[in-house]
């Protein structure tokens, strides 16, 4: 049986711990999606105990649709923000590498002199 490697969800193990503050602005979309999923489950369970109602079915369908929509919005915003953060971190890392190379080259020149 051949195993397929799954791409990591984050660049490193500490990604979500160190970048959590950046994602606070979009967290509301995830929370709203979760609450609407809870409403869907509550109406689904409620439908088992009370007589079927077209209004309850409409609420259940609307909550499920809105929950899925908000989940898609949250995940797309999270992906966009992650790409933006990775680009910013790449610039900072490149600057750090360039500064380190410059220091090493200056050190090399002082050893030669």
N, C-alpha and C. Protein backbone atom coordinates (compact mmCIF):
# COMPACT_ATOMS: atom_id res chain seq x y z
N UNK A 1 0.84 -1.18 0.00
CA UNK A 1 0.00 0.00 0.00
C UNK A 1 0.89 1.24 0.00
N UNK A 2 0.59 2.15 -0.87
CA UNK A 2 1.39 3.35 -1.02
C UNK A 2 0.79 4.48 -0.19
N UNK A 3 1.64 5.14 0.58
CA UNK A 3 1.18 6.25 1.41
C UNK A 3 1.46 7.56 0.70
N UNK A 4 0.51 8.43 0.76
CA UNK A 4 0.63 9.74 0.14
C UNK A 4 0.94 10.74 1.24
N UNK A 5 1.97 11.53 1.03
CA UNK A 5 2.33 12.54 2.02
C UNK A 5 1.31 13.68 1.96
N UNK A 6 0.86 14.07 3.11
CA UNK A 6 -0.11 15.16 3.21
C UNK A 6 0.67 16.45 3.44
N UNK A 7 0.31 17.47 2.69
CA UNK A 7 0.97 18.77 2.84
C UNK A 7 0.67 19.33 4.23
N UNK A 8 1.66 19.93 4.87
CA UNK A 8 1.41 20.50 6.20
C UNK A 8 0.44 21.67 6.11
N UNK A 9 -0.35 21.82 7.15
CA UNK A 9 -1.33 22.90 7.18
C UNK A 9 -0.70 24.23 7.56
N UNK A 10 0.48 24.19 8.13
CA UNK A 10 1.15 25.41 8.54
C UNK A 10 2.64 25.25 8.23
N UNK A 11 3.34 26.36 8.03
CA UNK A 11 4.76 26.28 7.70
C UNK A 11 5.61 25.58 8.77
N UNK A 12 5.27 25.72 10.02
CA UNK A 12 6.00 25.02 11.08
C UNK A 12 5.07 24.79 12.27
N UNK A 13 5.57 24.07 13.27
CA UNK A 13 4.73 23.67 14.39
C UNK A 13 4.25 24.86 15.22
N UNK A 14 5.00 25.93 15.27
CA UNK A 14 4.65 27.08 16.09
C UNK A 14 3.88 28.16 15.33
N UNK A 15 3.50 27.87 14.10
CA UNK A 15 2.87 28.88 13.25
C UNK A 15 1.63 29.48 13.90
N UNK A 16 0.70 28.65 14.36
CA UNK A 16 -0.55 29.17 14.91
C UNK A 16 -0.33 29.86 16.24
N UNK A 17 0.69 29.46 17.00
CA UNK A 17 0.97 30.12 18.27
C UNK A 17 1.55 31.51 18.06
N UNK A 18 2.39 31.65 17.06
CA UNK A 18 3.07 32.93 16.85
C UNK A 18 2.28 33.89 15.97
N UNK A 19 1.34 33.40 15.19
CA UNK A 19 0.61 34.29 14.28
C UNK A 19 -0.86 34.40 14.63
N UNK A 20 -1.27 33.88 15.77
CA UNK A 20 -2.68 33.92 16.15
C UNK A 20 -3.27 35.31 16.18
N UNK A 21 -2.49 36.28 16.60
CA UNK A 21 -2.99 37.65 16.69
C UNK A 21 -3.35 38.21 15.31
N UNK A 22 -2.65 37.76 14.28
CA UNK A 22 -2.94 38.25 12.93
C UNK A 22 -4.30 37.77 12.43
N UNK A 23 -4.76 36.63 12.94
CA UNK A 23 -6.01 36.04 12.47
C UNK A 23 -7.23 36.47 13.28
N UNK A 24 -7.05 37.32 14.29
CA UNK A 24 -8.19 37.74 15.11
C UNK A 24 -9.23 38.51 14.30
N UNK A 25 -8.80 39.21 13.28
CA UNK A 25 -9.74 40.03 12.51
C UNK A 25 -10.71 39.17 11.70
N UNK A 26 -10.35 37.93 11.41
CA UNK A 26 -11.25 37.08 10.63
C UNK A 26 -11.89 35.98 11.48
N UNK A 27 -11.57 35.93 12.75
CA UNK A 27 -12.09 34.87 13.62
C UNK A 27 -13.61 34.93 13.76
N UNK A 28 -14.20 36.11 13.62
CA UNK A 28 -15.64 36.24 13.77
C UNK A 28 -16.38 35.39 12.74
N UNK A 29 -15.83 35.27 11.53
CA UNK A 29 -16.48 34.47 10.50
C UNK A 29 -16.53 32.99 10.89
N UNK A 30 -15.47 32.51 11.49
CA UNK A 30 -15.45 31.12 11.96
C UNK A 30 -16.40 30.89 13.11
N UNK A 31 -16.45 31.85 14.03
CA UNK A 31 -17.37 31.72 15.17
C UNK A 31 -18.82 31.76 14.72
N UNK A 32 -19.15 32.67 13.80
CA UNK A 32 -20.52 32.73 13.28
C UNK A 32 -20.90 31.44 12.57
N UNK A 33 -19.97 30.89 11.82
CA UNK A 33 -20.22 29.62 11.15
C UNK A 33 -20.50 28.51 12.16
N UNK A 34 -19.72 28.49 13.23
CA UNK A 34 -19.92 27.48 14.28
C UNK A 34 -21.28 27.65 14.96
N UNK A 35 -21.66 28.88 15.25
CA UNK A 35 -22.94 29.12 15.90
C UNK A 35 -24.10 28.72 15.00
N UNK A 36 -23.99 29.02 13.72
CA UNK A 36 -25.06 28.63 12.80
C UNK A 36 -25.13 27.12 12.63
N UNK A 37 -23.99 26.45 12.68
CA UNK A 37 -24.00 24.98 12.65
C UNK A 37 -24.68 24.43 13.89
N UNK A 38 -24.47 25.09 15.02
CA UNK A 38 -25.15 24.68 16.24
C UNK A 38 -26.67 24.89 16.14
N UNK A 39 -27.08 26.00 15.53
CA UNK A 39 -28.51 26.23 15.30
C UNK A 39 -29.08 25.14 14.40
N UNK A 40 -28.33 24.79 13.36
CA UNK A 40 -28.77 23.71 12.47
C UNK A 40 -28.97 22.41 13.24
N UNK A 41 -27.99 22.06 14.06
CA UNK A 41 -28.10 20.81 14.83
C UNK A 41 -29.25 20.87 15.83
N UNK A 42 -29.44 22.00 16.46
CA UNK A 42 -30.54 22.15 17.42
C UNK A 42 -31.89 22.00 16.73
N UNK A 43 -32.04 22.61 15.55
CA UNK A 43 -33.31 22.48 14.84
C UNK A 43 -33.49 21.07 14.28
N UNK A 44 -32.40 20.42 13.93
CA UNK A 44 -32.48 19.04 13.45
C UNK A 44 -32.94 18.11 14.58
N UNK A 45 -32.37 18.29 15.76
CA UNK A 45 -32.78 17.49 16.91
C UNK A 45 -34.18 17.87 17.34
N UNK A 46 -34.48 19.16 17.30
CA UNK A 46 -35.83 19.62 17.67
C UNK A 46 -36.89 19.06 16.75
N UNK A 47 -36.58 18.87 15.48
CA UNK A 47 -37.54 18.33 14.53
C UNK A 47 -37.90 16.89 14.85
N UNK A 48 -37.01 16.18 15.53
CA UNK A 48 -37.29 14.79 15.89
C UNK A 48 -38.29 14.71 17.04
N UNK A 49 -38.39 15.75 17.85
CA UNK A 49 -39.26 15.71 19.03
C UNK A 49 -40.57 16.44 18.86
N UNK A 50 -40.65 17.35 17.90
CA UNK A 50 -41.90 18.08 17.68
C UNK A 50 -42.42 17.76 16.28
N UNK A 51 -43.63 18.14 16.03
CA UNK A 51 -44.23 17.89 14.72
C UNK A 51 -43.45 18.63 13.64
N UNK A 52 -43.33 18.03 12.47
CA UNK A 52 -42.62 18.72 11.37
C UNK A 52 -43.27 20.06 11.06
N UNK A 53 -42.44 21.04 10.89
CA UNK A 53 -42.92 22.39 10.64
C UNK A 53 -42.16 22.97 9.45
N UNK A 54 -42.88 23.56 8.50
CA UNK A 54 -42.19 24.18 7.37
C UNK A 54 -41.27 25.34 7.81
N UNK A 55 -41.69 26.06 8.85
CA UNK A 55 -40.85 27.15 9.35
C UNK A 55 -39.56 26.61 9.95
N UNK A 56 -39.65 25.54 10.71
CA UNK A 56 -38.46 24.93 11.29
C UNK A 56 -37.53 24.39 10.21
N UNK A 57 -38.12 23.82 9.17
CA UNK A 57 -37.32 23.32 8.05
C UNK A 57 -36.62 24.47 7.33
N UNK A 58 -37.32 25.59 7.19
CA UNK A 58 -36.72 26.77 6.56
C UNK A 58 -35.57 27.32 7.40
N UNK A 59 -35.76 27.38 8.71
CA UNK A 59 -34.70 27.85 9.61
C UNK A 59 -33.51 26.91 9.55
N UNK A 60 -33.78 25.61 9.55
CA UNK A 60 -32.70 24.62 9.50
C UNK A 60 -31.92 24.74 8.19
N UNK A 61 -32.63 24.83 7.08
CA UNK A 61 -31.96 24.96 5.79
C UNK A 61 -31.17 26.27 5.69
N UNK A 62 -31.76 27.35 6.15
CA UNK A 62 -31.07 28.65 6.11
C UNK A 62 -29.83 28.65 6.99
N UNK A 63 -29.92 28.05 8.17
CA UNK A 63 -28.76 27.99 9.07
C UNK A 63 -27.64 27.15 8.46
N UNK A 64 -28.00 26.03 7.84
CA UNK A 64 -26.98 25.18 7.22
C UNK A 64 -26.31 25.90 6.06
N UNK A 65 -27.10 26.54 5.22
CA UNK A 65 -26.55 27.26 4.07
C UNK A 65 -25.67 28.43 4.51
N UNK A 66 -26.14 29.19 5.49
CA UNK A 66 -25.35 30.32 5.98
C UNK A 66 -24.07 29.84 6.67
N UNK A 67 -24.14 28.74 7.39
CA UNK A 67 -22.96 28.21 8.07
C UNK A 67 -21.90 27.79 7.06
N UNK A 68 -22.32 27.10 6.02
CA UNK A 68 -21.37 26.67 4.98
C UNK A 68 -20.78 27.88 4.26
N UNK A 69 -21.62 28.86 3.97
CA UNK A 69 -21.14 30.06 3.29
C UNK A 69 -20.11 30.80 4.14
N UNK A 70 -20.42 30.98 5.42
CA UNK A 70 -19.48 31.68 6.30
C UNK A 70 -18.20 30.89 6.51
N UNK A 71 -18.29 29.57 6.51
CA UNK A 71 -17.09 28.75 6.62
C UNK A 71 -16.20 28.93 5.39
N UNK A 72 -16.80 28.99 4.22
CA UNK A 72 -16.04 29.23 2.99
C UNK A 72 -15.40 30.61 3.02
N UNK A 73 -16.14 31.61 3.47
CA UNK A 73 -15.60 32.97 3.59
C UNK A 73 -14.42 32.97 4.56
N UNK A 74 -14.58 32.34 5.71
CA UNK A 74 -13.52 32.30 6.72
C UNK A 74 -12.27 31.62 6.17
N UNK A 75 -12.43 30.48 5.53
CA UNK A 75 -11.28 29.75 5.01
C UNK A 75 -10.58 30.50 3.88
N UNK A 76 -11.35 31.18 3.03
CA UNK A 76 -10.71 31.94 1.95
C UNK A 76 -9.97 33.15 2.51
N UNK A 77 -10.54 33.82 3.51
CA UNK A 77 -9.84 34.94 4.14
C UNK A 77 -8.58 34.46 4.87
N UNK A 78 -8.68 33.30 5.51
CA UNK A 78 -7.52 32.75 6.21
C UNK A 78 -6.42 32.39 5.22
N UNK A 79 -6.79 31.81 4.08
CA UNK A 79 -5.78 31.47 3.07
C UNK A 79 -5.12 32.74 2.51
N UNK A 80 -5.92 33.77 2.26
CA UNK A 80 -5.37 35.02 1.74
C UNK A 80 -4.42 35.66 2.76
N UNK A 81 -4.83 35.67 4.02
CA UNK A 81 -4.00 36.25 5.08
C UNK A 81 -2.72 35.44 5.28
N UNK A 82 -2.82 34.12 5.17
CA UNK A 82 -1.63 33.28 5.31
C UNK A 82 -0.64 33.56 4.19
N UNK A 83 -1.13 33.68 2.95
CA UNK A 83 -0.23 34.02 1.84
C UNK A 83 0.44 35.37 2.07
N UNK A 84 -0.32 36.33 2.56
CA UNK A 84 0.23 37.67 2.83
C UNK A 84 1.30 37.60 3.92
N UNK A 85 1.02 36.86 5.00
CA UNK A 85 1.99 36.73 6.09
C UNK A 85 3.25 36.01 5.63
N UNK A 86 3.09 34.96 4.84
CA UNK A 86 4.26 34.24 4.34
C UNK A 86 5.12 35.12 3.45
N UNK A 87 4.48 35.97 2.65
CA UNK A 87 5.24 36.90 1.81
C UNK A 87 6.00 37.91 2.68
N UNK A 88 5.35 38.42 3.73
CA UNK A 88 6.03 39.37 4.62
C UNK A 88 7.19 38.70 5.35
N UNK A 89 6.97 37.47 5.82
CA UNK A 89 8.03 36.76 6.53
C UNK A 89 9.18 36.42 5.60
N UNK A 90 8.89 36.15 4.32
CA UNK A 90 9.95 35.87 3.36
C UNK A 90 10.83 37.10 3.15
N UNK A 91 10.21 38.28 3.12
CA UNK A 91 10.98 39.52 2.96
C UNK A 91 11.87 39.74 4.18
N UNK A 92 11.33 39.52 5.36
CA UNK A 92 12.12 39.69 6.59
C UNK A 92 13.25 38.67 6.64
N UNK A 93 12.98 37.44 6.25
CA UNK A 93 14.02 36.41 6.25
C UNK A 93 15.12 36.74 5.23
N UNK A 94 14.73 37.23 4.06
CA UNK A 94 15.72 37.60 3.05
C UNK A 94 16.59 38.74 3.54
N UNK A 95 15.99 39.72 4.19
CA UNK A 95 16.75 40.83 4.74
C UNK A 95 17.74 40.33 5.80
N UNK A 96 17.28 39.43 6.65
CA UNK A 96 18.16 38.85 7.67
C UNK A 96 19.32 38.08 7.06
N UNK A 97 19.04 37.30 6.01
CA UNK A 97 20.12 36.57 5.33
C UNK A 97 21.12 37.52 4.70
N UNK A 98 20.61 38.58 4.09
CA UNK A 98 21.50 39.55 3.45
C UNK A 98 22.38 40.24 4.50
N UNK A 99 21.80 40.62 5.63
CA UNK A 99 22.60 41.25 6.69
C UNK A 99 23.65 40.29 7.24
N UNK A 100 23.28 39.02 7.40
CA UNK A 100 24.23 38.04 7.91
C UNK A 100 25.37 37.82 6.92
N UNK A 101 25.04 37.75 5.63
CA UNK A 101 26.09 37.60 4.61
C UNK A 101 27.01 38.81 4.58
N UNK A 102 26.44 39.99 4.75
CA UNK A 102 27.26 41.20 4.77
C UNK A 102 28.21 41.18 5.96
N UNK A 103 27.72 40.81 7.13
CA UNK A 103 28.59 40.72 8.32
C UNK A 103 29.70 39.69 8.12
N UNK A 104 29.34 38.54 7.56
CA UNK A 104 30.34 37.50 7.34
C UNK A 104 31.40 37.96 6.34
N UNK A 105 30.97 38.66 5.29
CA UNK A 105 31.93 39.15 4.31
C UNK A 105 32.82 40.23 4.92
N UNK A 106 32.27 41.12 5.75
CA UNK A 106 33.09 42.13 6.41
C UNK A 106 34.08 41.47 7.35
N UNK A 107 33.66 40.45 8.05
CA UNK A 107 34.55 39.72 8.93
C UNK A 107 35.66 39.05 8.12
N UNK A 108 35.33 38.51 6.98
CA UNK A 108 36.30 37.87 6.09
C UNK A 108 37.32 38.90 5.62
N UNK A 109 36.86 40.10 5.25
CA UNK A 109 37.76 41.14 4.78
C UNK A 109 38.71 41.60 5.89
N UNK A 110 38.22 41.69 7.14
CA UNK A 110 39.09 42.13 8.23
C UNK A 110 40.13 41.07 8.56
N UNK A 111 39.81 39.80 8.36
CA UNK A 111 40.77 38.73 8.59
C UNK A 111 41.86 38.79 7.53
N UNK A 112 41.53 39.13 6.30
CA UNK A 112 42.51 39.21 5.22
C UNK A 112 43.44 40.41 5.35
N UNK A 113 42.97 41.46 5.99
CA UNK A 113 43.76 42.70 6.06
C UNK A 113 44.90 42.63 7.00
